[in-house]
Amino acid sequence: MRKQLAKPNRAKRTNRMEYISIDKYGKSIQIAYYNFAEFTRADTLVGKARWLEIALAAPTKDGWRLKMMHST
């Protein structure tokens, strides 16, 4: 990953999320969403990706923390 990040001409990645559901179970929250990525170089689209993610978050004394996250 460091080798890829060091490339001077690498594509810029922009993400957006499309939420499917946000459900509360006791004190925890489960969220499901599609994550979209677009890769551009010099204002030209050079790639796209889309995947599903699901996460379970719970409150702690230090703030919200992920208990589980899954990407497909």
N, C-alpha and C. Protein backbone atom coordinates (compact mmCIF):
# COMPACT_ATOMS: atom_id res chain seq x y z
N MET A 1 0.81 -1.18 0.00
CA MET A 1 0.00 0.00 0.00
C MET A 1 0.87 1.27 0.00
N ARG A 2 1.92 1.26 0.77
CA ARG A 2 2.81 2.43 0.81
C ARG A 2 3.42 2.70 -0.56
N LYS A 3 3.75 1.62 -1.26
CA LYS A 3 4.33 1.76 -2.60
C LYS A 3 3.34 2.44 -3.54
N GLN A 4 2.07 2.03 -3.47
CA GLN A 4 1.04 2.63 -4.31
C GLN A 4 0.81 4.10 -3.95
N LEU A 5 0.77 4.40 -2.65
CA LEU A 5 0.55 5.78 -2.19
C LEU A 5 1.70 6.70 -2.56
N ALA A 6 2.89 6.15 -2.74
CA ALA A 6 4.06 6.96 -3.07
C ALA A 6 4.12 7.33 -4.56
N LYS A 7 3.30 6.72 -5.38
CA LYS A 7 3.32 7.02 -6.82
C LYS A 7 2.87 8.46 -7.04
N PRO A 8 3.67 9.25 -7.78
CA PRO A 8 3.32 10.66 -7.97
C PRO A 8 2.11 10.88 -8.89
N ASN A 9 1.82 9.93 -9.76
CA ASN A 9 0.75 10.10 -10.74
C ASN A 9 -0.45 9.20 -10.44
N ARG A 10 -0.63 8.84 -9.18
CA ARG A 10 -1.72 7.92 -8.87
C ARG A 10 -3.07 8.61 -8.97
N ALA A 11 -4.11 7.82 -9.20
CA ALA A 11 -5.46 8.36 -9.33
C ALA A 11 -5.98 8.84 -7.99
N LYS A 12 -6.85 9.84 -8.03
CA LYS A 12 -7.51 10.34 -6.84
C LYS A 12 -8.78 9.53 -6.61
N ARG A 13 -9.01 9.11 -5.37
CA ARG A 13 -10.17 8.30 -5.03
C ARG A 13 -11.19 9.16 -4.30
N THR A 14 -12.44 9.11 -4.78
CA THR A 14 -13.54 9.82 -4.13
C THR A 14 -14.63 8.80 -3.81
N ASN A 15 -15.06 8.76 -2.55
CA ASN A 15 -16.08 7.82 -2.12
C ASN A 15 -17.40 8.53 -1.80
N ARG A 16 -18.49 7.79 -1.99
CA ARG A 16 -19.79 8.23 -1.50
C ARG A 16 -20.53 6.99 -1.02
N MET A 17 -21.47 7.19 -0.10
CA MET A 17 -22.21 6.07 0.48
C MET A 17 -23.70 6.25 0.24
N GLU A 18 -24.36 5.14 -0.01
CA GLU A 18 -25.80 5.10 -0.19
C GLU A 18 -26.35 4.18 0.90
N TYR A 19 -27.04 4.75 1.87
CA TYR A 19 -27.48 3.99 3.04
C TYR A 19 -28.69 3.12 2.73
N ILE A 20 -28.64 1.87 3.17
CA ILE A 20 -29.72 0.92 2.99
C ILE A 20 -30.57 0.89 4.25
N SER A 21 -29.92 0.75 5.41
CA SER A 21 -30.66 0.71 6.67
C SER A 21 -29.77 1.11 7.83
N ILE A 22 -30.42 1.68 8.83
CA ILE A 22 -29.77 1.99 10.11
C ILE A 22 -30.75 1.52 11.18
N ASP A 23 -30.35 0.50 11.94
CA ASP A 23 -31.24 -0.09 12.94
C ASP A 23 -30.58 -0.07 14.31
N LYS A 24 -31.39 0.19 15.34
CA LYS A 24 -30.88 0.22 16.71
C LYS A 24 -31.29 -1.06 17.42
N TYR A 25 -30.32 -1.69 18.08
CA TYR A 25 -30.54 -2.90 18.87
C TYR A 25 -29.99 -2.63 20.26
N GLY A 26 -30.86 -2.33 21.21
CA GLY A 26 -30.39 -1.95 22.55
C GLY A 26 -29.59 -0.67 22.44
N LYS A 27 -28.35 -0.68 22.90
CA LYS A 27 -27.49 0.49 22.81
C LYS A 27 -26.66 0.52 21.53
N SER A 28 -26.67 -0.58 20.79
CA SER A 28 -25.86 -0.68 19.57
C SER A 28 -26.64 -0.28 18.33
N ILE A 29 -25.91 0.09 17.27
CA ILE A 29 -26.51 0.45 16.00
C ILE A 29 -25.87 -0.39 14.90
N GLN A 30 -26.73 -0.93 14.02
CA GLN A 30 -26.25 -1.64 12.84
C GLN A 30 -26.56 -0.79 11.62
N ILE A 31 -25.58 -0.64 10.74
CA ILE A 31 -25.74 0.18 9.54
C ILE A 31 -25.31 -0.64 8.33
N ALA A 32 -26.11 -0.57 7.27
CA ALA A 32 -25.79 -1.25 6.01
C ALA A 32 -25.81 -0.20 4.91
N TYR A 33 -24.82 -0.24 4.03
CA TYR A 33 -24.73 0.76 2.98
C TYR A 33 -23.88 0.27 1.81
N TYR A 34 -24.14 0.85 0.65
CA TYR A 34 -23.29 0.64 -0.51
C TYR A 34 -22.21 1.72 -0.47
N ASN A 35 -21.00 1.33 -0.73
CA ASN A 35 -19.87 2.26 -0.79
C ASN A 35 -19.44 2.32 -2.25
N PHE A 36 -19.41 3.52 -2.81
CA PHE A 36 -19.03 3.74 -4.20
C PHE A 36 -17.71 4.49 -4.24
N ALA A 37 -16.82 4.10 -5.12
CA ALA A 37 -15.54 4.81 -5.30
C ALA A 37 -15.36 5.13 -6.77
N GLU A 38 -14.89 6.35 -7.01
CA GLU A 38 -14.51 6.76 -8.36
C GLU A 38 -13.05 7.17 -8.33
N PHE A 39 -12.31 6.74 -9.34
CA PHE A 39 -10.88 7.04 -9.43
C PHE A 39 -10.66 7.95 -10.63
N THR A 40 -10.11 9.12 -10.39
CA THR A 40 -9.86 10.08 -11.47
C THR A 40 -8.39 10.47 -11.52
N ARG A 41 -7.95 10.77 -12.73
CA ARG A 41 -6.60 11.27 -12.94
C ARG A 41 -6.71 12.39 -13.98
N ALA A 42 -6.24 13.58 -13.63
CA ALA A 42 -6.31 14.74 -14.53
C ALA A 42 -7.74 14.97 -15.02
N ASP A 43 -8.69 14.92 -14.10
CA ASP A 43 -10.11 15.14 -14.39
C ASP A 43 -10.73 14.12 -15.33
N THR A 44 -10.10 12.94 -15.47
CA THR A 44 -10.62 11.87 -16.30
C THR A 44 -10.93 10.66 -15.43
N LEU A 45 -12.13 10.12 -15.54
CA LEU A 45 -12.51 8.93 -14.79
C LEU A 45 -11.73 7.73 -15.31
N VAL A 46 -10.96 7.08 -14.42
CA VAL A 46 -10.15 5.94 -14.85
C VAL A 46 -10.60 4.62 -14.21
N GLY A 47 -11.55 4.69 -13.28
CA GLY A 47 -12.05 3.47 -12.66
C GLY A 47 -13.19 3.73 -11.70
N LYS A 48 -13.98 2.67 -11.47
CA LYS A 48 -15.10 2.73 -10.54
C LYS A 48 -15.13 1.43 -9.74
N ALA A 49 -15.68 1.51 -8.52
CA ALA A 49 -15.88 0.32 -7.70
C ALA A 49 -17.13 0.52 -6.86
N ARG A 50 -17.78 -0.58 -6.50
CA ARG A 50 -18.98 -0.53 -5.65
C ARG A 50 -18.98 -1.78 -4.80
N TRP A 51 -19.25 -1.63 -3.50
CA TRP A 51 -19.33 -2.78 -2.64
C TRP A 51 -20.28 -2.52 -1.50
N LEU A 52 -20.73 -3.58 -0.86
CA LEU A 52 -21.66 -3.51 0.26
C LEU A 52 -20.87 -3.60 1.56
N GLU A 53 -21.22 -2.75 2.52
CA GLU A 53 -20.60 -2.82 3.85
C GLU A 53 -21.69 -2.84 4.91
N ILE A 54 -21.40 -3.57 5.98
CA ILE A 54 -22.28 -3.62 7.14
C ILE A 54 -21.41 -3.45 8.37
N ALA A 55 -21.88 -2.63 9.31
CA ALA A 55 -21.09 -2.38 10.52
C ALA A 55 -22.01 -2.39 11.74
N LEU A 56 -21.45 -2.79 12.86
CA LEU A 56 -22.14 -2.75 14.15
C LEU A 56 -21.31 -1.86 15.06
N ALA A 57 -21.93 -0.80 15.57
CA ALA A 57 -21.23 0.16 16.43
C ALA A 57 -21.90 0.20 17.80
N ALA A 58 -21.08 0.44 18.82
CA ALA A 58 -21.59 0.52 20.19
C ALA A 58 -20.96 1.71 20.89
N PRO A 59 -21.72 2.37 21.77
CA PRO A 59 -21.15 3.50 22.51
C PRO A 59 -20.22 3.01 23.61
N THR A 60 -19.14 3.75 23.82
CA THR A 60 -18.22 3.48 24.93
C THR A 60 -17.98 4.79 25.66
N LYS A 61 -17.21 4.74 26.72
CA LYS A 61 -16.90 5.98 27.44
C LYS A 61 -16.07 6.93 26.60
N ASP A 62 -15.39 6.40 25.56
CA ASP A 62 -14.56 7.22 24.67
C ASP A 62 -15.27 7.59 23.37
N GLY A 63 -16.55 7.26 23.23
CA GLY A 63 -17.30 7.54 22.02
C GLY A 63 -17.71 6.25 21.32
N TRP A 64 -18.29 6.37 20.15
CA TRP A 64 -18.75 5.21 19.39
C TRP A 64 -17.56 4.43 18.84
N ARG A 65 -17.64 3.09 18.93
CA ARG A 65 -16.59 2.21 18.43
C ARG A 65 -17.22 1.09 17.63
N LEU A 66 -16.53 0.67 16.56
CA LEU A 66 -17.00 -0.45 15.75
C LEU A 66 -16.74 -1.76 16.48
N LYS A 67 -17.76 -2.59 16.58
CA LYS A 67 -17.60 -3.93 17.14
C LYS A 67 -17.37 -4.94 16.02
N MET A 68 -17.92 -4.62 14.82
CA MET A 68 -17.79 -5.52 13.69
C MET A 68 -18.01 -4.70 12.43
N MET A 69 -17.27 -5.07 11.36
CA MET A 69 -17.48 -4.46 10.05
C MET A 69 -17.18 -5.52 9.00
N HIS A 70 -18.06 -5.57 7.97
CA HIS A 70 -17.88 -6.56 6.91
C HIS A 70 -18.07 -5.88 5.57
N SER A 71 -17.17 -6.14 4.63
CA SER A 71 -17.25 -5.62 3.27
C SER A 71 -17.32 -6.77 2.28
N THR A 72 -18.17 -6.63 1.27
CA THR A 72 -18.24 -7.66 0.23
C THR A 72 -18.04 -7.04 -1.12
